[in-house]
PDB file of N, CA and C in Angstrom:
ATOM      1  N   MET A   1       5.205  26.205  -7.907  1.00  0.00           N
ATOM      2  CA  MET A   1       6.150  26.019  -8.901  1.00  0.00           C
ATOM      3  C   MET A   1       6.022  26.912 -10.323  1.00  0.00           C
ATOM      4  N   ASN A   2       6.937  27.649 -10.604  1.00  0.00           N
ATOM      5  CA  ASN A   2       6.422  28.835 -11.916  1.00  0.00           C
ATOM      6  C   ASN A   2       7.187  27.766 -13.102  1.00  0.00           C
ATOM      7  N   ASP A   3       8.180  26.786 -13.156  1.00  0.00           N
ATOM      8  CA  ASP A   3       8.896  26.637 -13.892  1.00  0.00           C
ATOM      9  C   ASP A   3       8.359  24.952 -14.390  1.00  0.00           C
ATOM     10  N   MET A   4       7.183  24.719 -13.609  1.00  0.00           N
ATOM     11  CA  MET A   4       6.806  23.352 -14.327  1.00  0.00           C
ATOM     12  C   MET A   4       5.283  23.481 -14.620  1.00  0.00           C
ATOM     13  N   PRO A   5       5.156  22.642 -15.850  1.00  0.00           N
ATOM     14  CA  PRO A   5       3.688  22.755 -16.368  1.00  0.00           C
ATOM     15  C   PRO A   5       2.749  22.481 -15.235  1.00  0.00           C
ATOM     16  N   HIS A   6       1.477  22.949 -15.258  1.00  0.00           N
ATOM     17  CA  HIS A   6       0.334  22.437 -14.358  1.00  0.00           C
ATOM     18  C   HIS A   6       0.191  21.281 -14.507  1.00  0.00           C
ATOM     19  N   ASP A   7       0.158  20.725 -15.858  1.00  0.00           N
ATOM     20  CA  ASP A   7      -0.337  19.099 -15.849  1.00  0.00           C
ATOM     21  C   ASP A   7       0.735  18.172 -15.405  1.00  0.00           C
ATOM     22  N   THR A   8       2.042  18.527 -15.176  1.00  0.00           N
ATOM     23  CA  THR A   8       3.239  18.054 -14.444  1.00  0.00           C
ATOM     24  C   THR A   8       2.889  17.859 -12.801  1.00  0.00           C
ATOM     25  N   ILE A   9       2.350  19.416 -12.137  1.00  0.00           N
ATOM     26  CA  ILE A   9       2.214  19.090 -10.824  1.00  0.00           C
ATOM     27  C   ILE A   9       0.963  18.376 -10.460  1.00  0.00           C
ATOM     28  N   ALA A  10      -0.152  18.697 -11.268  1.00  0.00           N
ATOM     29  CA  ALA A  10      -1.154  17.881 -10.949  1.00  0.00           C
ATOM     30  C   ALA A  10      -0.939  16.318 -11.253  1.00  0.00           C
ATOM     31  N   ALA A  11      -0.088  15.899 -12.060  1.00  0.00           N
ATOM     32  CA  ALA A  11      -0.010  14.658 -12.081  1.00  0.00           C
ATOM     33  C   ALA A  11       0.813  13.810 -10.682  1.00  0.00           C
ATOM     34  N   ALA A  12       1.897  14.825 -10.368  1.00  0.00           N
ATOM     35  CA  ALA A  12       2.765  14.606  -9.179  1.00  0.00           C
ATOM     36  C   ALA A  12       1.869  14.328  -8.043  1.00  0.00           C
ATOM     37  N   GLN A  13       0.694  15.405  -7.700  1.00  0.00           N
ATOM     38  CA  GLN A  13       0.027  15.660  -6.622  1.00  0.00           C
ATOM     39  C   GLN A  13      -0.882  14.308  -6.800  1.00  0.00           C
ATOM     40  N   LYS A  14      -1.176  13.838  -7.802  1.00  0.00           N
ATOM     41  CA  LYS A  14      -2.007  12.456  -7.742  1.00  0.00           C
ATOM     42  C   LYS A  14      -1.060  11.315  -7.086  1.00  0.00           C
ATOM     43  N   VAL A  15      -0.010  11.262  -7.723  1.00  0.00           N
ATOM     44  CA  VAL A  15       0.907  10.317  -7.258  1.00  0.00           C
ATOM     45  C   VAL A  15       1.070  10.628  -5.427  1.00  0.00           C
ATOM     46  N   ALA A  16       1.233  11.661  -5.216  1.00  0.00           N
ATOM     47  CA  ALA A  16       1.253  11.914  -3.652  1.00  0.00           C
ATOM     48  C   ALA A  16       0.026  11.268  -2.914  1.00  0.00           C
ATOM     49  N   ASP A  17      -1.144  11.344  -3.585  1.00  0.00           N
ATOM     50  CA  ASP A  17      -2.397  10.945  -3.033  1.00  0.00           C
ATOM     51  C   ASP A  17      -2.515   9.269  -3.000  1.00  0.00           C
ATOM     52  N   THR A  18      -2.063   8.961  -4.021  1.00  0.00           N
ATOM     53  CA  THR A  18      -1.933   7.468  -4.386  1.00  0.00           C
ATOM     54  C   THR A  18      -0.977   6.906  -3.400  1.00  0.00           C
ATOM     55  N   LEU A  19       0.209   7.436  -3.066  1.00  0.00           N
ATOM     56  CA  LEU A  19       1.370   7.026  -1.976  1.00  0.00           C
ATOM     57  C   LEU A  19       0.397   7.021  -0.459  1.00  0.00           C
ATOM     58  N   ASP A  20      -0.333   8.288  -0.327  1.00  0.00           N
ATOM     59  CA  ASP A  20      -1.170   8.239   0.880  1.00  0.00           C
ATOM     60  C   ASP A  20      -2.111   7.326   1.172  1.00  0.00           C
ATOM     61  N   GLN A  21      -2.643   6.826   0.086  1.00  0.00           N
ATOM     62  CA  GLN A  21      -3.598   6.039   0.041  1.00  0.00           C
ATOM     63  C   GLN A  21      -3.424   4.542   0.657  1.00  0.00           C
ATOM     64  N   ARG A  22      -1.830   4.447   0.094  1.00  0.00           N
ATOM     65  CA  ARG A  22      -1.523   2.818   0.211  1.00  0.00           C
ATOM     66  C   ARG A  22      -0.390   2.888   1.310  1.00  0.00           C
ATOM     67  N   GLY A  23      -0.804   4.263   2.246  1.00  0.00           N
ATOM     68  CA  GLY A  23       0.056   4.232   3.477  1.00  0.00           C
ATOM     69  C   GLY A  23       1.530   4.416   3.307  1.00  0.00           C
ATOM     70  N   HIS A  24       1.847   5.319   2.458  1.00  0.00           N
ATOM     71  CA  HIS A  24       3.331   5.535   2.328  1.00  0.00           C
ATOM     72  C   HIS A  24       3.492   7.300   2.504  1.00  0.00           C
ATOM     73  N   ASP A  25       2.994   7.564   3.890  1.00  0.00           N
ATOM     74  CA  ASP A  25       2.701   8.715   4.256  1.00  0.00           C
ATOM     75  C   ASP A  25       4.160   9.357   4.242  1.00  0.00           C
ATOM     76  N   ARG A  26       5.176   9.140   4.752  1.00  0.00           N
ATOM     77  CA  ARG A  26       6.462   9.729   4.439  1.00  0.00           C
ATOM     78  C   ARG A  26       6.741  10.194   3.137  1.00  0.00           C
ATOM     79  N   GLN A  27       6.770   8.989   2.293  1.00  0.00           N
ATOM     80  CA  GLN A  27       7.052   9.392   1.071  1.00  0.00           C
ATOM     81  C   GLN A  27       6.228  10.500  -0.044  1.00  0.00           C
ATOM     82  N   ALA A  28       4.830  10.352   0.392  1.00  0.00           N
ATOM     83  CA  ALA A  28       3.755  11.210   0.050  1.00  0.00           C
ATOM     84  C   ALA A  28       4.403  12.672   0.530  1.00  0.00           C
ATOM     85  N   GLY A  29       4.589  12.750   1.698  1.00  0.00           N
ATOM     86  CA  GLY A  29       5.045  14.020   2.248  1.00  0.00           C
ATOM     87  C   GLY A  29       6.391  14.521   1.779  1.00  0.00           C
ATOM     88  N   MET A  30       7.421  13.589   1.231  1.00  0.00           N
ATOM     89  CA  MET A  30       8.417  14.149   0.644  1.00  0.00           C
ATOM     90  C   MET A  30       8.229  14.905  -0.732  1.00  0.00           C
ATOM     91  N   LEU A  31       7.186  14.183  -1.396  1.00  0.00           N
ATOM     92  CA  LEU A  31       7.042  14.467  -2.585  1.00  0.00           C
ATOM     93  C   LEU A  31       6.087  15.726  -2.561  1.00  0.00           C
ATOM     94  N   ARG A  32       5.330  15.888  -1.617  1.00  0.00           N
ATOM     95  CA  ARG A  32       4.528  17.254  -1.597  1.00  0.00           C
ATOM     96  C   ARG A  32       5.437  18.389  -1.400  1.00  0.00           C
ATOM     97  N   GLU A  33       6.224  18.018  -0.395  1.00  0.00           N
ATOM     98  CA  GLU A  33       7.460  18.990  -0.280  1.00  0.00           C
ATOM     99  C   GLU A  33       8.480  19.648  -1.258  1.00  0.00           C
ATOM    100  N   ALA A  34       8.389  18.492  -2.097  1.00  0.00           N
ATOM    101  CA  ALA A  34       9.525  18.972  -3.357  1.00  0.00           C
ATOM    102  C   ALA A  34       8.463  20.099  -4.175  1.00  0.00           C
ATOM    103  N   LEU A  35       7.450  19.496  -4.408  1.00  0.00           N
ATOM    104  CA  LEU A  35       6.362  19.959  -4.982  1.00  0.00           C
ATOM    105  C   LEU A  35       5.994  21.685  -4.588  1.00  0.00           C
ATOM    106  N   SER A  36       6.203  21.776  -3.248  1.00  0.00           N
ATOM    107  CA  SER A  36       5.674  23.103  -2.662  1.00  0.00           C
ATOM    108  C   SER A  36       6.708  24.158  -3.461  1.00  0.00           C
ATOM    109  N   SER A  37       6.318  25.362  -3.480  1.00  0.00           N
ATOM    110  CA  SER A  37       7.205  26.555  -3.935  1.00  0.00           C
ATOM    111  C   SER A  37       7.949  26.835  -2.990  1.00  0.00           C
ATOM    112  N   HIS A  38       8.047  26.281  -1.776  1.00  0.00           N
ATOM    113  CA  HIS A  38       8.927  26.920  -0.762  1.00  0.00           C
ATOM    114  C   HIS A  38       9.875  25.967  -0.736  1.00  0.00           C
ATOM    115  N   HIS A  39       9.847  24.836  -1.300  1.00  0.00           N
ATOM    116  CA  HIS A  39      11.106  23.880  -1.614  1.00  0.00           C
ATOM    117  C   HIS A  39      12.610  24.658  -2.025  1.00  0.00           C
ATOM    118  N   PRO A  40      13.343  24.454  -1.284  1.00  0.00           N
ATOM    119  CA  PRO A  40      14.893  25.191  -2.216  1.00  0.00           C
ATOM    120  C   PRO A  40      15.348  24.503  -3.284  1.00  0.00           C
ATOM    121  N   ARG A  41      15.122  23.191  -3.494  1.00  0.00           N
ATOM    122  CA  ARG A  41      15.581  22.188  -4.411  1.00  0.00           C
ATOM    123  C   ARG A  41      14.716  21.929  -5.829  1.00  0.00           C
ATOM    124  N   SER A  42      15.417  21.880  -6.706  1.00  0.00           N
ATOM    125  CA  SER A  42      14.190  21.394  -7.815  1.00  0.00           C
ATOM    126  C   SER A  42      13.555  20.177  -7.554  1.00  0.00           C
ATOM    127  N   PRO A  43      12.219  19.918  -7.621  1.00  0.00           N
ATOM    128  CA  PRO A  43      11.606  18.682  -7.639  1.00  0.00           C
ATOM    129  C   PRO A  43      12.170  17.602  -8.522  1.00  0.00           C
ATOM    130  N   PHE A  44      12.630  18.077  -9.417  1.00  0.00           N
ATOM    131  CA  PHE A  44      13.221  16.769 -10.404  1.00  0.00           C
ATOM    132  C   PHE A  44      14.628  16.274  -9.644  1.00  0.00           C
ATOM    133  N   LEU A  45      15.143  17.130  -9.238  1.00  0.00           N
ATOM    134  CA  LEU A  45      16.439  16.710  -8.585  1.00  0.00           C
ATOM    135  C   LEU A  45      16.263  15.754  -7.175  1.00  0.00           C
ATOM    136  N   SER A  46      15.055  16.268  -6.586  1.00  0.00           N
ATOM    137  CA  SER A  46      14.646  15.533  -5.411  1.00  0.00           C
ATOM    138  C   SER A  46      13.955  14.333  -5.754  1.00  0.00           C
ATOM    139  N   ALA A  47      13.296  13.875  -6.895  1.00  0.00           N
ATOM    140  CA  ALA A  47      13.004  12.725  -7.439  1.00  0.00           C
ATOM    141  C   ALA A  47      14.077  11.725  -8.033  1.00  0.00           C
ATOM    142  N   LEU A  48      15.041  12.465  -8.704  1.00  0.00           N
ATOM    143  CA  LEU A  48      16.158  11.706  -9.049  1.00  0.00           C
ATOM    144  C   LEU A  48      16.946  11.037  -7.898  1.00  0.00           C
ATOM    145  N   ARG A  49      17.407  11.951  -7.187  1.00  0.00           N
ATOM    146  CA  ARG A  49      17.947  11.607  -5.764  1.00  0.00           C
ATOM    147  C   ARG A  49      17.367  10.389  -5.277  1.00  0.00           C
ATOM    148  N   GLU A  50      16.094  10.488  -4.799  1.00  0.00           N
ATOM    149  CA  GLU A  50      15.263   9.284  -4.437  1.00  0.00           C
ATOM    150  C   GLU A  50      15.230   8.038  -5.170  1.00  0.00           C
ATOM    151  N   ALA A  51      15.180   8.177  -6.443  1.00  0.00           N
ATOM    152  CA  ALA A  51      15.156   7.011  -7.138  1.00  0.00           C
ATOM    153  C   ALA A  51      16.725   6.264  -7.110  1.00  0.00           C
ATOM    154  N   CYS A  52      17.656   7.159  -7.451  1.00  0.00           N
ATOM    155  CA  CYS A  52      18.908   6.509  -7.294  1.00  0.00           C
ATOM    156  C   CYS A  52      19.360   5.802  -5.974  1.00  0.00           C
ATOM    157  N   GLN A  53      18.608   6.543  -4.607  1.00  0.00           N
ATOM    158  CA  GLN A  53      18.867   5.843  -3.214  1.00  0.00           C
ATOM    159  C   GLN A  53      18.124   4.373  -3.251  1.00  0.00           C
ATOM    160  N   VAL A  54      16.874   4.495  -3.928  1.00  0.00           N
ATOM    161  CA  VAL A  54      16.197   2.931  -4.189  1.00  0.00           C
ATOM    162  C   VAL A  54      16.963   2.173  -4.872  1.00  0.00           C
ATOM    163  N   VAL A  55      17.449   2.391  -6.083  1.00  0.00           N
ATOM    164  CA  VAL A  55      18.104   1.522  -6.841  1.00  0.00           C
ATOM    165  C   VAL A  55      19.515   1.122  -5.999  1.00  0.00           C
ATOM    166  N   LEU A  56      19.897   1.943  -5.377  1.00  0.00           N
ATOM    167  CA  LEU A  56      21.132   1.524  -4.310  1.00  0.00           C
ATOM    168  C   LEU A  56      20.644   0.665  -3.427  1.00  0.00           C
ATOM    169  N   THR A  57      19.585   0.885  -2.724  1.00  0.00           N
ATOM    170  CA  THR A  57      19.430   0.091  -1.707  1.00  0.00           C
ATOM    171  C   THR A  57      18.951  -1.314  -2.015  1.00  0.00           C
ATOM    172  N   ALA A  58      18.493  -1.487  -3.316  1.00  0.00           N
ATOM    173  CA  ALA A  58      18.004  -2.761  -4.191  1.00  0.00           C
ATOM    174  C   ALA A  58      19.299  -3.474  -4.373  1.00  0.00           C
ATOM    175  N   ILE A  59      20.285  -2.867  -4.879  1.00  0.00           N
ATOM    176  CA  ILE A  59      21.647  -3.351  -5.395  1.00  0.00           C
ATOM    177  C   ILE A  59      22.300  -4.221  -3.945  1.00  0.00           C
ATOM    178  N   GLU A  60      22.116  -3.243  -2.763  1.00  0.00           N
ATOM    179  CA  GLU A  60      22.814  -3.706  -1.545  1.00  0.00           C
ATOM    180  C   GLU A  60      22.010  -4.774  -1.073  1.00  0.00           C
ATOM    181  N   ALA A  61      20.685  -4.779  -1.292  1.00  0.00           N
ATOM    182  CA  ALA A  61      20.116  -6.117  -0.884  1.00  0.00           C
ATOM    183  C   ALA A  61      20.198  -7.388  -1.418  1.00  0.00           C
ATOM    184  N   ILE A  62      20.112  -7.008  -2.981  1.00  0.00           N
ATOM    185  CA  ILE A  62      20.796  -8.425  -3.909  1.00  0.00           C
ATOM    186  C   ILE A  62      22.188  -8.789  -3.673  1.00  0.00           C
ATOM    187  N   ASP A  63      23.062  -7.913  -3.310  1.00  0.00           N
ATOM    188  CA  ASP A  63      24.318  -8.183  -3.205  1.00  0.00           C
ATOM    189  C   ASP A  63      25.021  -7.643  -2.214  1.00  0.00           C
ATOM    190  N   PRO A  64      24.968  -8.178  -0.746  1.00  0.00           N
ATOM    191  CA  PRO A  64      25.100  -7.757   0.252  1.00  0.00           C
ATOM    192  C   PRO A  64      26.776  -7.008   0.536  1.00  0.00           C
ATOM    193  N   VAL A  65      27.716  -7.782  -0.332  1.00  0.00           N
ATOM    194  CA  VAL A  65      28.973  -7.874  -0.446  1.00  0.00           C
ATOM    195  C   VAL A  65      29.372  -6.345  -1.003  1.00  0.00           C
ATOM    196  N   SER A  66      28.303  -5.729  -1.785  1.00  0.00           N
ATOM    197  CA  SER A  66      28.851  -4.608  -2.586  1.00  0.00           C
ATOM    198  C   SER A  66      28.685  -3.398  -1.545  1.00  0.00           C
ATOM    199  N   ALA A  67      28.179  -3.887  -0.299  1.00  0.00           N
ATOM    200  CA  ALA A  67      27.937  -2.618   0.629  1.00  0.00           C
ATOM    201  C   ALA A  67      28.823  -1.243   0.609  1.00  0.00           C
ATOM    202  N   MET A  68      30.084  -1.711   0.680  1.00  0.00           N
ATOM    203  CA  MET A  68      30.847  -0.542   0.894  1.00  0.00           C
ATOM    204  C   MET A  68      30.931   0.297  -0.529  1.00  0.00           C
ATOM    205  N   MET A  69      30.834  -0.140  -1.591  1.00  0.00           N
ATOM    206  CA  MET A  69      30.665   0.511  -2.947  1.00  0.00           C
ATOM    207  C   MET A  69      29.441   1.099  -2.788  1.00  0.00           C
ATOM    208  N   VAL A  70      28.308   0.684  -2.493  1.00  0.00           N
ATOM    209  CA  VAL A  70      26.831   1.129  -2.536  1.00  0.00           C
ATOM    210  C   VAL A  70      27.050   2.428  -1.423  1.00  0.00           C
ATOM    211  N   GLU A  71      27.624   2.505  -0.464  1.00  0.00           N
ATOM    212  CA  GLU A  71      27.847   3.582   0.437  1.00  0.00           C
ATOM    213  C   GLU A  71      28.566   4.426  -0.153  1.00  0.00           C
ATOM    214  N   GLU A  72      29.547   4.430  -1.007  1.00  0.00           N
ATOM    215  CA  GLU A  72      30.407   5.410  -1.535  1.00  0.00           C
ATOM    216  C   GLU A  72      29.458   6.076  -2.421  1.00  0.00           C
ATOM    217  N   LEU A  73      28.735   5.192  -3.519  1.00  0.00           N
ATOM    218  CA  LEU A  73      27.704   5.915  -4.350  1.00  0.00           C
ATOM    219  C   LEU A  73      26.539   6.466  -3.657  1.00  0.00           C
ATOM    220  N   ARG A  74      25.984   6.031  -2.741  1.00  0.00           N
ATOM    221  CA  ARG A  74      25.059   6.992  -2.101  1.00  0.00           C
ATOM    222  C   ARG A  74      25.605   8.266  -1.695  1.00  0.00           C
ATOM    223  N   LEU A  75      26.850   8.329  -1.033  1.00  0.00           N
ATOM    224  CA  LEU A  75      27.131   9.667  -0.719  1.00  0.00           C
ATOM    225  C   LEU A  75      27.530  10.678  -1.997  1.00  0.00           C
ATOM    226  N   GLU A  76      27.850   9.847  -3.060  1.00  0.00           N
ATOM    227  CA  GLU A  76      28.242  10.602  -3.935  1.00  0.00           C
ATOM    228  C   GLU A  76      26.832  11.273  -4.708  1.00  0.00           C
ATOM    229  N   VAL A  77      25.895  10.317  -4.733  1.00  0.00           N
ATOM    230  CA  VAL A  77      24.759  10.983  -5.030  1.00  0.00           C
ATOM    231  C   VAL A  77      24.079  12.203  -4.302  1.00  0.00           C
ATOM    232  N   ASP A  78      24.113  11.908  -2.943  1.00  0.00           N
ATOM    233  CA  ASP A  78      23.685  12.914  -2.175  1.00  0.00           C
ATOM    234  C   ASP A  78      24.683  14.360  -2.331  1.00  0.00           C
ATOM    235  N   LYS A  79      25.726  14.276  -2.637  1.00  0.00           N
ATOM    236  CA  LYS A  79      26.140  15.261  -2.844  1.00  0.00           C
ATOM    237  C   LYS A  79      26.184  15.838  -4.110  1.00  0.00           C
ATOM    238  N   ARG A  80      25.797  15.433  -5.017  1.00  0.00           N
ATOM    239  CA  ARG A  80      25.594  16.039  -6.154  1.00  0.00           C
ATOM    240  C   ARG A  80      24.265  16.113  -6.589  1.00  0.00           C
ATOM    241  N   LEU A  81      23.323  15.714  -5.809  1.00  0.00           N
ATOM    242  CA  LEU A  81      22.168  16.201  -6.058  1.00  0.00           C
ATOM    243  C   LEU A  81      21.201  16.826  -4.819  1.00  0.00           C
ATOM    244  N   THR A  82      22.332  17.678  -4.353  1.00  0.00           N
ATOM    245  CA  THR A  82      21.871  18.238  -3.084  1.00  0.00           C
ATOM    246  C   THR A  82      22.692  19.549  -3.263  1.00  0.00           C
ATOM    247  N   GLU A  83      23.624  19.689  -3.799  1.00  0.00           N
ATOM    248  CA  GLU A  83      24.183  21.192  -3.886  1.00  0.00           C
ATOM    249  C   GLU A  83      23.679  22.314  -4.843  1.00  0.00           C
ATOM    250  N   GLU A  84      23.967  23.472  -4.319  1.00  0.00           N
ATOM    251  CA  GLU A  84      23.445  24.532  -5.193  1.00  0.00           C
ATOM    252  C   GLU A  84      23.822  24.588  -6.590  1.00  0.00           C
ATOM    253  N   PRO A  85      23.094  25.045  -7.473  1.00  0.00           N
ATOM    254  CA  PRO A  85      23.308  25.374  -8.719  1.00  0.00           C
ATOM    255  C   PRO A  85      24.533  26.140  -9.029  1.00  0.00           C
ATOM    256  N   GLY A  86      25.448  25.756  -9.961  1.00  0.00           N
ATOM    257  CA  GLY A  86      27.004  26.645 -10.047  1.00  0.00           C
ATOM    258  C   GLY A  86      27.986  26.530  -9.030  1.00  0.00           C
ATOM    259  N   THR A  87      27.733  25.528  -8.210  1.00  0.00           N
ATOM    260  CA  THR A  87      28.715  24.795  -7.412  1.00  0.00           C
ATOM    261  C   THR A  87      29.507  24.021  -8.109  1.00  0.00           C
ATOM    262  N   PRO A  88      30.608  24.156  -7.928  1.00  0.00           N
ATOM    263  CA  PRO A  88      31.413  23.172  -9.064  1.00  0.00           C
ATOM    264  C   PRO A  88      31.654  21.657  -7.973  1.00  0.00           C
ATOM    265  N   THR A  89      31.829  20.796  -9.038  1.00  0.00           N
ATOM    266  CA  THR A  89      31.687  19.305  -8.553  1.00  0.00           C
ATOM    267  C   THR A  89      33.123  18.700  -8.197  1.00  0.00           C
TER     268      THR A  89
END
């Protein structure tokens, strides 16, 4: 990725290695995919999307009554963080 500093990429790769070591293969793979130069989306958008999804899942676990609202937010996060740059929202 030409637009990210080398230190940032190296740190993210260490995080992926740590995830692998702790048995989180899927998450490590997703991080490595986001870091690859062939990935169509910004790794920062991917990370933000994943962080939002984790927070929404936590909210849903704490307050199951909010499931409908959380699902609406989840769809909005997906919509906004997966669309191509320049696409109107």
